[in-house]
All heavy atoms as atom14 arrays in JSON, in Angstrom:
{
  "sequence": "RFAVLGGGSWATAIVKMLCENLEQVTWYMRSSEAIAHILREG",
  "atom14_mask": [
    [1, 1, 1, 1, 1, 1, 1, 1, 1, 1, 1, 0, 0, 0],
    [1, 1, 1, 1, 1, 1, 1, 1, 1, 1, 1, 0, 0, 0],
    [1, 1, 1, 1, 1, 0, 0, 0, 0, 0, 0, 0, 0, 0],
    [1, 1, 1, 1, 1, 1, 1, 0, 0, 0, 0, 0, 0, 0],
    [1, 1, 1, 1, 1, 1, 1, 1, 0, 0, 0, 0, 0, 0],
    [1, 1, 1, 1, 0, 0, 0, 0, 0, 0, 0, 0, 0, 0],
    [1, 1, 1, 1, 0, 0, 0, 0, 0, 0, 0, 0, 0, 0],
    [1, 1, 1, 1, 0, 0, 0, 0, 0, 0, 0, 0, 0, 0],
    [1, 1, 1, 1, 1, 1, 0, 0, 0, 0, 0, 0, 0, 0],
    [1, 1, 1, 1, 1, 1, 1, 1, 1, 1, 1, 1, 1, 1],
    [1, 1, 1, 1, 1, 0, 0, 0, 0, 0, 0, 0, 0, 0],
    [1, 1, 1, 1, 1, 1, 1, 0, 0, 0, 0, 0, 0, 0],
    [1, 1, 1, 1, 1, 0, 0, 0, 0, 0, 0, 0, 0, 0],
    [1, 1, 1, 1, 1, 1, 1, 1, 0, 0, 0, 0, 0, 0],
    [1, 1, 1, 1, 1, 1, 1, 0, 0, 0, 0, 0, 0, 0],
    [1, 1, 1, 1, 1, 1, 1, 1, 1, 0, 0, 0, 0, 0],
    [1, 1, 1, 1, 1, 1, 1, 1, 0, 0, 0, 0, 0, 0],
    [1, 1, 1, 1, 1, 1, 1, 1, 0, 0, 0, 0, 0, 0],
    [1, 1, 1, 1, 1, 1, 0, 0, 0, 0, 0, 0, 0, 0],
    [1, 1, 1, 1, 1, 1, 1, 1, 1, 0, 0, 0, 0, 0],
    [1, 1, 1, 1, 1, 1, 1, 1, 0, 0, 0, 0, 0, 0],
    [1, 1, 1, 1, 1, 1, 1, 1, 0, 0, 0, 0, 0, 0],
    [1, 1, 1, 1, 1, 1, 1, 1, 1, 0, 0, 0, 0, 0],
    [1, 1, 1, 1, 1, 1, 1, 1, 1, 0, 0, 0, 0, 0],
    [1, 1, 1, 1, 1, 1, 1, 0, 0, 0, 0, 0, 0, 0],
    [1, 1, 1, 1, 1, 1, 1, 0, 0, 0, 0, 0, 0, 0],
    [1, 1, 1, 1, 1, 1, 1, 1, 1, 1, 1, 1, 1, 1],
    [1, 1, 1, 1, 1, 1, 1, 1, 1, 1, 1, 1, 0, 0],
    [1, 1, 1, 1, 1, 1, 1, 1, 0, 0, 0, 0, 0, 0],
    [1, 1, 1, 1, 1, 1, 1, 1, 1, 1, 1, 0, 0, 0],
    [1, 1, 1, 1, 1, 1, 0, 0, 0, 0, 0, 0, 0, 0],
    [1, 1, 1, 1, 1, 1, 0, 0, 0, 0, 0, 0, 0, 0],
    [1, 1, 1, 1, 1, 1, 1, 1, 1, 0, 0, 0, 0, 0],
    [1, 1, 1, 1, 1, 0, 0, 0, 0, 0, 0, 0, 0, 0],
    [1, 1, 1, 1, 1, 1, 1, 1, 0, 0, 0, 0, 0, 0],
    [1, 1, 1, 1, 1, 0, 0, 0, 0, 0, 0, 0, 0, 0],
    [1, 1, 1, 1, 1, 1, 1, 1, 1, 1, 0, 0, 0, 0],
    [1, 1, 1, 1, 1, 1, 1, 1, 0, 0, 0, 0, 0, 0],
    [1, 1, 1, 1, 1, 1, 1, 1, 0, 0, 0, 0, 0, 0],
    [1, 1, 1, 1, 1, 1, 1, 1, 1, 1, 1, 0, 0, 0],
    [1, 1, 1, 1, 1, 1, 1, 1, 1, 0, 0, 0, 0, 0],
    [1, 1, 1, 1, 0, 0, 0, 0, 0, 0, 0, 0, 0, 0]
  ],
  "atom14_positions": [
    [[12.21, 6.48, -5.94], [10.77, 6.26, -5.86], [10.53, 4.78, -5.54], [11.03, 3.91, -6.26], [10.1, 6.64, -7.18], [10.25, 8.11, -7.56], [9.76, 8.35, -8.98], [10.5, 7.56, -9.95], [10.08, 7.27, -11.18], [8.89, 7.72, -11.59], [10.82, 6.55, -12.0], [0.0, 0.0, 0.0], [0.0, 0.0, 0.0], [0.0, 0.0, 0.0]],
    [[9.78, 4.51, -4.48], [9.56, 3.15, -4.01], [8.19, 2.63, -4.44], [7.21, 3.37, -4.44], [9.63, 3.09, -2.49], [11.03, 3.11, -1.92], [11.81, 4.26, -1.98], [11.56, 1.98, -1.31], [13.09, 4.3, -1.43], [12.83, 1.99, -0.77], [13.61, 3.15, -0.83], [0.0, 0.0, 0.0], [0.0, 0.0, 0.0], [0.0, 0.0, 0.0]],
    [[8.16, 1.32, -4.76], [6.88, 0.64, -4.98], [6.9, -0.68, -4.23], [7.92, -1.37, -4.19], [6.63, 0.39, -6.47], [0.0, 0.0, 0.0], [0.0, 0.0, 0.0], [0.0, 0.0, 0.0], [0.0, 0.0, 0.0], [0.0, 0.0, 0.0], [0.0, 0.0, 0.0], [0.0, 0.0, 0.0], [0.0, 0.0, 0.0], [0.0, 0.0, 0.0]],
    [[5.77, -1.03, -3.65], [5.6, -2.31, -2.97], [4.62, -3.14, -3.78], [3.54, -2.67, -4.16], [5.07, -2.11, -1.53], [4.83, -3.46, -0.87], [6.06, -1.28, -0.71], [0.0, 0.0, 0.0], [0.0, 0.0, 0.0], [0.0, 0.0, 0.0], [0.0, 0.0, 0.0], [0.0, 0.0, 0.0], [0.0, 0.0, 0.0], [0.0, 0.0, 0.0]],
    [[5.0, -4.39, -4.06], [4.15, -5.3, -4.83], [3.6, -6.37, -3.89], [4.34, -7.18, -3.35], [4.96, -5.96, -5.96], [5.8, -5.03, -6.86], [6.49, -5.83, -7.95], [4.93, -3.95, -7.48], [0.0, 0.0, 0.0], [0.0, 0.0, 0.0], [0.0, 0.0, 0.0], [0.0, 0.0, 0.0], [0.0, 0.0, 0.0], [0.0, 0.0, 0.0]],
    [[2.28, -6.34, -3.7], [1.65, -7.32, -2.83], [0.57, -6.66, -1.99], [0.68, -5.49, -1.63], [0.0, 0.0, 0.0], [0.0, 0.0, 0.0], [0.0, 0.0, 0.0], [0.0, 0.0, 0.0], [0.0, 0.0, 0.0], [0.0, 0.0, 0.0], [0.0, 0.0, 0.0], [0.0, 0.0, 0.0], [0.0, 0.0, 0.0], [0.0, 0.0, 0.0]],
    [[-0.46, -7.43, -1.66], [-1.58, -6.87, -0.9], [-1.81, -7.53, 0.45], [-2.8, -7.24, 1.11], [0.0, 0.0, 0.0], [0.0, 0.0, 0.0], [0.0, 0.0, 0.0], [0.0, 0.0, 0.0], [0.0, 0.0, 0.0], [0.0, 0.0, 0.0], [0.0, 0.0, 0.0], [0.0, 0.0, 0.0], [0.0, 0.0, 0.0], [0.0, 0.0, 0.0]],
    [[-0.88, -8.42, 0.86], [-1.06, -9.16, 2.11], [-0.57, -8.42, 3.33], [-0.29, -7.21, 3.3], [0.0, 0.0, 0.0], [0.0, 0.0, 0.0], [0.0, 0.0, 0.0], [0.0, 0.0, 0.0], [0.0, 0.0, 0.0], [0.0, 0.0, 0.0], [0.0, 0.0, 0.0], [0.0, 0.0, 0.0], [0.0, 0.0, 0.0], [0.0, 0.0, 0.0]],
    [[-0.43, -9.16, 4.43], [-0.07, -8.54, 5.7], [1.35, -7.98, 5.69], [1.59, -6.86, 6.2], [-0.23, -9.53, 6.85], [0.55, -10.7, 6.63], [0.0, 0.0, 0.0], [0.0, 0.0, 0.0], [0.0, 0.0, 0.0], [0.0, 0.0, 0.0], [0.0, 0.0, 0.0], [0.0, 0.0, 0.0], [0.0, 0.0, 0.0], [0.0, 0.0, 0.0]],
    [[2.3, -8.7, 5.11], [3.68, -8.21, 5.1], [3.82, -7.01, 4.17], [4.5, -6.04, 4.49], [4.61, -9.34, 4.71], [6.09, -9.1, 4.91], [7.08, -9.5, 4.08], [6.75, -8.42, 6.0], [8.32, -9.13, 4.58], [8.14, -8.45, 5.75], [6.29, -7.78, 7.15], [9.08, -7.88, 6.61], [7.22, -7.21, 8.01], [8.6, -7.26, 7.73]],
    [[3.16, -7.04, 3.03], [3.16, -5.88, 2.12], [2.55, -4.67, 2.82], [3.09, -3.55, 2.73], [2.39, -6.2, 0.85], [0.0, 0.0, 0.0], [0.0, 0.0, 0.0], [0.0, 0.0, 0.0], [0.0, 0.0, 0.0], [0.0, 0.0, 0.0], [0.0, 0.0, 0.0], [0.0, 0.0, 0.0], [0.0, 0.0, 0.0], [0.0, 0.0, 0.0]],
    [[1.46, -4.88, 3.53], [0.81, -3.78, 4.24], [1.72, -3.19, 5.3], [1.82, -1.96, 5.46], [-0.51, -4.28, 4.88], [-1.34, -4.86, 3.87], [-1.26, -3.15, 5.56], [0.0, 0.0, 0.0], [0.0, 0.0, 0.0], [0.0, 0.0, 0.0], [0.0, 0.0, 0.0], [0.0, 0.0, 0.0], [0.0, 0.0, 0.0], [0.0, 0.0, 0.0]],
    [[2.43, -4.07, 6.02], [3.37, -3.61, 7.05], [4.51, -2.81, 6.44], [4.93, -1.78, 6.99], [3.91, -4.8, 7.82], [0.0, 0.0, 0.0], [0.0, 0.0, 0.0], [0.0, 0.0, 0.0], [0.0, 0.0, 0.0], [0.0, 0.0, 0.0], [0.0, 0.0, 0.0], [0.0, 0.0, 0.0], [0.0, 0.0, 0.0], [0.0, 0.0, 0.0]],
    [[5.01, -3.26, 5.29], [6.12, -2.55, 4.63], [5.66, -1.17, 4.15], [6.38, -0.18, 4.29], [6.68, -3.39, 3.46], [7.41, -4.62, 4.02], [7.63, -2.57, 2.59], [7.81, -5.63, 2.96], [0.0, 0.0, 0.0], [0.0, 0.0, 0.0], [0.0, 0.0, 0.0], [0.0, 0.0, 0.0], [0.0, 0.0, 0.0], [0.0, 0.0, 0.0]],
    [[4.47, -1.1, 3.59], [3.94, 0.2, 3.17], [3.81, 1.13, 4.37], [4.16, 2.32, 4.3], [2.58, 0.04, 2.45], [1.96, 1.4, 2.17], [2.76, -0.73, 1.14], [0.0, 0.0, 0.0], [0.0, 0.0, 0.0], [0.0, 0.0, 0.0], [0.0, 0.0, 0.0], [0.0, 0.0, 0.0], [0.0, 0.0, 0.0], [0.0, 0.0, 0.0]],
    [[3.34, 0.61, 5.49], [3.24, 1.42, 6.71], [4.62, 1.96, 7.1], [4.76, 3.15, 7.43], [2.66, 0.58, 7.85], [2.7, 1.29, 9.22], [2.11, 0.42, 10.3], [2.41, 0.99, 11.69], [1.92, 2.36, 11.9], [0.0, 0.0, 0.0], [0.0, 0.0, 0.0], [0.0, 0.0, 0.0], [0.0, 0.0, 0.0], [0.0, 0.0, 0.0]],
    [[5.65, 1.1, 7.07], [7.0, 1.53, 7.43], [7.5, 2.61, 6.49], [8.07, 3.62, 6.93], [7.96, 0.33, 7.42], [7.76, -0.65, 8.55], [9.02, -1.97, 8.51], [8.1, -3.33, 7.79], [0.0, 0.0, 0.0], [0.0, 0.0, 0.0], [0.0, 0.0, 0.0], [0.0, 0.0, 0.0], [0.0, 0.0, 0.0], [0.0, 0.0, 0.0]],
    [[7.29, 2.43, 5.2], [7.76, 3.41, 4.22], [7.05, 4.75, 4.38], [7.64, 5.81, 4.18], [7.55, 2.87, 2.8], [8.41, 1.67, 2.38], [7.98, 1.18, 0.99], [9.9, 2.04, 2.37], [0.0, 0.0, 0.0], [0.0, 0.0, 0.0], [0.0, 0.0, 0.0], [0.0, 0.0, 0.0], [0.0, 0.0, 0.0], [0.0, 0.0, 0.0]],
    [[5.77, 4.69, 4.73], [5.0, 5.93, 4.87], [5.46, 6.78, 6.06], [5.11, 7.96, 6.15], [3.51, 5.61, 5.02], [2.72, 5.16, 3.45], [0.0, 0.0, 0.0], [0.0, 0.0, 0.0], [0.0, 0.0, 0.0], [0.0, 0.0, 0.0], [0.0, 0.0, 0.0], [0.0, 0.0, 0.0], [0.0, 0.0, 0.0], [0.0, 0.0, 0.0]],
    [[6.27, 6.2, 6.94], [6.85, 6.98, 8.03], [7.9, 7.96, 7.5], [8.22, 8.95, 8.15], [7.5, 6.06, 9.07], [6.56, 5.09, 9.75], [5.69, 5.74, 10.81], [5.83, 6.96, 11.04], [4.85, 5.03, 11.39], [0.0, 0.0, 0.0], [0.0, 0.0, 0.0], [0.0, 0.0, 0.0], [0.0, 0.0, 0.0], [0.0, 0.0, 0.0]],
    [[8.46, 7.67, 6.3], [9.59, 8.44, 5.79], [9.4, 9.05, 4.41], [10.05, 10.03, 4.07], [10.84, 7.55, 5.74], [11.24, 7.04, 7.11], [11.6, 7.81, 7.98], [11.16, 5.73, 7.31], [0.0, 0.0, 0.0], [0.0, 0.0, 0.0], [0.0, 0.0, 0.0], [0.0, 0.0, 0.0], [0.0, 0.0, 0.0], [0.0, 0.0, 0.0]],
    [[8.54, 8.46, 3.59], [8.41, 8.89, 2.21], [7.15, 9.72, 1.99], [6.12, 9.51, 2.63], [8.37, 7.67, 1.27], [9.51, 6.66, 1.39], [9.34, 5.56, 0.35], [10.86, 7.34, 1.23], [0.0, 0.0, 0.0], [0.0, 0.0, 0.0], [0.0, 0.0, 0.0], [0.0, 0.0, 0.0], [0.0, 0.0, 0.0], [0.0, 0.0, 0.0]],
    [[7.24, 10.65, 1.06], [6.07, 11.47, 0.74], [5.04, 10.67, -0.06], [3.84, 10.9, 0.07], [6.5, 12.71, -0.05], [7.31, 13.69, 0.79], [7.65, 14.95, 0.02], [7.46, 14.96, -1.21], [8.11, 15.9, 0.64], [0.0, 0.0, 0.0], [0.0, 0.0, 0.0], [0.0, 0.0, 0.0], [0.0, 0.0, 0.0], [0.0, 0.0, 0.0]],
    [[5.53, 9.72, -0.88], [4.6, 8.9, -1.66], [5.17, 7.5, -1.87], [6.37, 7.33, -2.1], [4.27, 9.53, -3.0], [3.11, 8.8, -3.72], [2.59, 9.59, -4.9], [3.24, 9.67, -5.92], [1.39, 10.16, -4.77], [0.0, 0.0, 0.0], [0.0, 0.0, 0.0], [0.0, 0.0, 0.0], [0.0, 0.0, 0.0], [0.0, 0.0, 0.0]],
    [[4.29, 6.51, -1.8], [4.65, 5.1, -2.03], [3.66, 4.53, -3.04], [2.44, 4.67, -2.87], [4.57, 4.28, -0.73], [4.91, 2.82, -1.02], [5.5, 4.86, 0.34], [0.0, 0.0, 0.0], [0.0, 0.0, 0.0], [0.0, 0.0, 0.0], [0.0, 0.0, 0.0], [0.0, 0.0, 0.0], [0.0, 0.0, 0.0], [0.0, 0.0, 0.0]],
    [[4.19, 3.94, -4.1], [3.34, 3.23, -5.05], [3.06, 1.84, -4.48], [3.98, 1.16, -4.02], [4.01, 3.12, -6.43], [4.2, 4.43, -6.96], [3.14, 2.33, -7.4], [0.0, 0.0, 0.0], [0.0, 0.0, 0.0], [0.0, 0.0, 0.0], [0.0, 0.0, 0.0], [0.0, 0.0, 0.0], [0.0, 0.0, 0.0], [0.0, 0.0, 0.0]],
    [[1.8, 1.45, -4.51], [1.41, 0.16, -3.91], [0.57, -0.61, -4.91], [-0.53, -0.22, -5.25], [0.64, 0.42, -2.63], [0.33, -0.8, -1.81], [0.67, -2.09, -2.05], [-0.41, -0.82, -0.57], [0.21, -2.92, -1.07], [-0.45, -2.16, -0.14], [-1.02, 0.17, 0.2], [-1.09, -2.54, 1.04], [-1.66, -0.21, 1.38], [-1.69, -1.54, 1.79]],
    [[1.14, -1.74, -5.38], [0.41, -2.61, -6.31], [-0.24, -3.76, -5.56], [0.41, -4.47, -4.78], [1.36, -3.19, -7.37], [0.77, -4.41, -8.07], [-0.25, -4.27, -9.0], [1.21, -5.69, -7.76], [-0.82, -5.37, -9.62], [0.65, -6.81, -8.38], [-0.37, -6.65, -9.3], [-0.93, -7.74, -9.9], [0.0, 0.0, 0.0], [0.0, 0.0, 0.0]],
    [[-1.52, -3.93, -5.78], [-2.22, -5.13, -5.33], [-3.22, -5.51, -6.4], [-3.74, -4.65, -7.12], [-2.89, -4.91, -3.97], [-3.88, -3.77, -3.89], [-4.72, -3.69, -2.28], [-3.39, -3.29, -1.19], [0.0, 0.0, 0.0], [0.0, 0.0, 0.0], [0.0, 0.0, 0.0], [0.0, 0.0, 0.0], [0.0, 0.0, 0.0], [0.0, 0.0, 0.0]],
    [[-3.45, -6.8, -6.54], [-4.29, -7.26, -7.66], [-5.77, -7.0, -7.45], [-6.55, -6.98, -8.41], [-4.05, -8.74, -7.94], [-4.34, -9.66, -6.8], [-3.82, -11.07, -7.06], [-4.04, -11.94, -5.91], [-4.77, -13.05, -5.94], [-5.36, -13.4, -7.06], [-4.91, -13.79, -4.86], [0.0, 0.0, 0.0], [0.0, 0.0, 0.0], [0.0, 0.0, 0.0]],
    [[-6.21, -6.78, -6.21], [-7.63, -6.6, -5.92], [-8.05, -5.13, -6.06], [-7.69, -4.29, -5.24], [-7.95, -7.09, -4.51], [-9.27, -6.74, -4.15], [0.0, 0.0, 0.0], [0.0, 0.0, 0.0], [0.0, 0.0, 0.0], [0.0, 0.0, 0.0], [0.0, 0.0, 0.0], [0.0, 0.0, 0.0], [0.0, 0.0, 0.0], [0.0, 0.0, 0.0]],
    [[-8.82, -4.85, -7.09], [-9.34, -3.47, -7.25], [-10.34, -3.15, -6.15], [-10.48, -1.98, -5.76], [-10.0, -3.32, -8.63], [-11.02, -4.29, -8.82], [0.0, 0.0, 0.0], [0.0, 0.0, 0.0], [0.0, 0.0, 0.0], [0.0, 0.0, 0.0], [0.0, 0.0, 0.0], [0.0, 0.0, 0.0], [0.0, 0.0, 0.0], [0.0, 0.0, 0.0]],
    [[-11.02, -4.17, -5.6], [-11.96, -3.95, -4.5], [-11.22, -3.49, -3.24], [-11.66, -2.58, -2.53], [-12.75, -5.22, -4.2], [-13.74, -5.63, -5.27], [-13.09, -6.38, -6.43], [-11.88, -6.69, -6.33], [-13.79, -6.65, -7.43], [0.0, 0.0, 0.0], [0.0, 0.0, 0.0], [0.0, 0.0, 0.0], [0.0, 0.0, 0.0], [0.0, 0.0, 0.0]],
    [[-10.06, -4.12, -2.98], [-9.26, -3.72, -1.81], [-8.74, -2.3, -1.99], [-8.73, -1.51, -1.03], [-8.1, -4.7, -1.6], [0.0, 0.0, 0.0], [0.0, 0.0, 0.0], [0.0, 0.0, 0.0], [0.0, 0.0, 0.0], [0.0, 0.0, 0.0], [0.0, 0.0, 0.0], [0.0, 0.0, 0.0], [0.0, 0.0, 0.0], [0.0, 0.0, 0.0]],
    [[-8.33, -1.96, -3.2], [-7.85, -0.6, -3.48], [-8.95, 0.41, -3.23], [-8.74, 1.45, -2.57], [-7.34, -0.49, -4.93], [-6.03, -1.27, -5.09], [-7.14, 0.97, -5.33], [-5.54, -1.38, -6.52], [0.0, 0.0, 0.0], [0.0, 0.0, 0.0], [0.0, 0.0, 0.0], [0.0, 0.0, 0.0], [0.0, 0.0, 0.0], [0.0, 0.0, 0.0]],
    [[-10.15, 0.12, -3.72], [-11.28, 1.04, -3.52], [-11.58, 1.22, -2.03], [-11.88, 2.32, -1.57], [-12.51, 0.52, -4.26], [0.0, 0.0, 0.0], [0.0, 0.0, 0.0], [0.0, 0.0, 0.0], [0.0, 0.0, 0.0], [0.0, 0.0, 0.0], [0.0, 0.0, 0.0], [0.0, 0.0, 0.0], [0.0, 0.0, 0.0], [0.0, 0.0, 0.0]],
    [[-11.47, 0.13, -1.29], [-11.74, 0.19, 0.15], [-10.69, 1.06, 0.87], [-11.05, 1.88, 1.73], [-11.74, -1.22, 0.75], [-12.11, -1.25, 2.21], [-13.39, -1.52, 2.63], [-11.37, -1.03, 3.33], [-13.43, -1.46, 3.95], [-12.21, -1.17, 4.4], [0.0, 0.0, 0.0], [0.0, 0.0, 0.0], [0.0, 0.0, 0.0], [0.0, 0.0, 0.0]],
    [[-9.42, 0.88, 0.51], [-8.36, 1.67, 1.14], [-8.56, 3.16, 0.84], [-8.44, 4.01, 1.73], [-6.97, 1.21, 0.66], [-6.68, -0.22, 1.14], [-5.87, 2.16, 1.16], [-5.44, -0.85, 0.52], [0.0, 0.0, 0.0], [0.0, 0.0, 0.0], [0.0, 0.0, 0.0], [0.0, 0.0, 0.0], [0.0, 0.0, 0.0], [0.0, 0.0, 0.0]],
    [[-8.89, 3.48, -0.39], [-9.11, 4.88, -0.76], [-10.31, 5.48, -0.03], [-10.3, 6.66, 0.31], [-9.31, 4.98, -2.28], [-8.07, 4.73, -3.14], [-8.46, 4.68, -4.62], [-7.01, 5.8, -2.9], [0.0, 0.0, 0.0], [0.0, 0.0, 0.0], [0.0, 0.0, 0.0], [0.0, 0.0, 0.0], [0.0, 0.0, 0.0], [0.0, 0.0, 0.0]],
    [[-11.28, 4.62, 0.25], [-12.51, 5.11, 0.9], [-12.37, 5.14, 2.43], [-12.77, 6.11, 3.07], [-13.68, 4.21, 0.5], [-15.04, 4.67, 1.0], [-16.16, 3.8, 0.45], [-16.06, 2.41, 0.91], [-15.7, 1.39, 0.14], [-15.4, 1.57, -1.15], [-15.64, 0.16, 0.62], [0.0, 0.0, 0.0], [0.0, 0.0, 0.0], [0.0, 0.0, 0.0]],
    [[-11.79, 4.08, 2.99], [-11.77, 3.91, 4.45], [-10.39, 4.12, 5.08], [-10.29, 4.25, 6.3], [-12.28, 2.5, 4.82], [-13.65, 2.15, 4.27], [-14.75, 2.98, 4.89], [-14.53, 3.54, 5.98], [-15.84, 3.06, 4.29], [0.0, 0.0, 0.0], [0.0, 0.0, 0.0], [0.0, 0.0, 0.0], [0.0, 0.0, 0.0], [0.0, 0.0, 0.0]],
    [[-9.33, 4.1, 4.26], [-8.0, 4.35, 4.79], [-7.3, 3.16, 5.42], [-6.28, 3.33, 6.09], [0.0, 0.0, 0.0], [0.0, 0.0, 0.0], [0.0, 0.0, 0.0], [0.0, 0.0, 0.0], [0.0, 0.0, 0.0], [0.0, 0.0, 0.0], [0.0, 0.0, 0.0], [0.0, 0.0, 0.0], [0.0, 0.0, 0.0], [0.0, 0.0, 0.0]]
  ]
}
């Protein structure tokens, strides 16, 4: 089970790469506003 820690450009790129292969990726970022936006807008 993979988790990525970070909310910047490199973290975002790594999550994108992992999502090509994994069914689920845990993604930690400190901004709850950014999390809400991702859940809403993708």
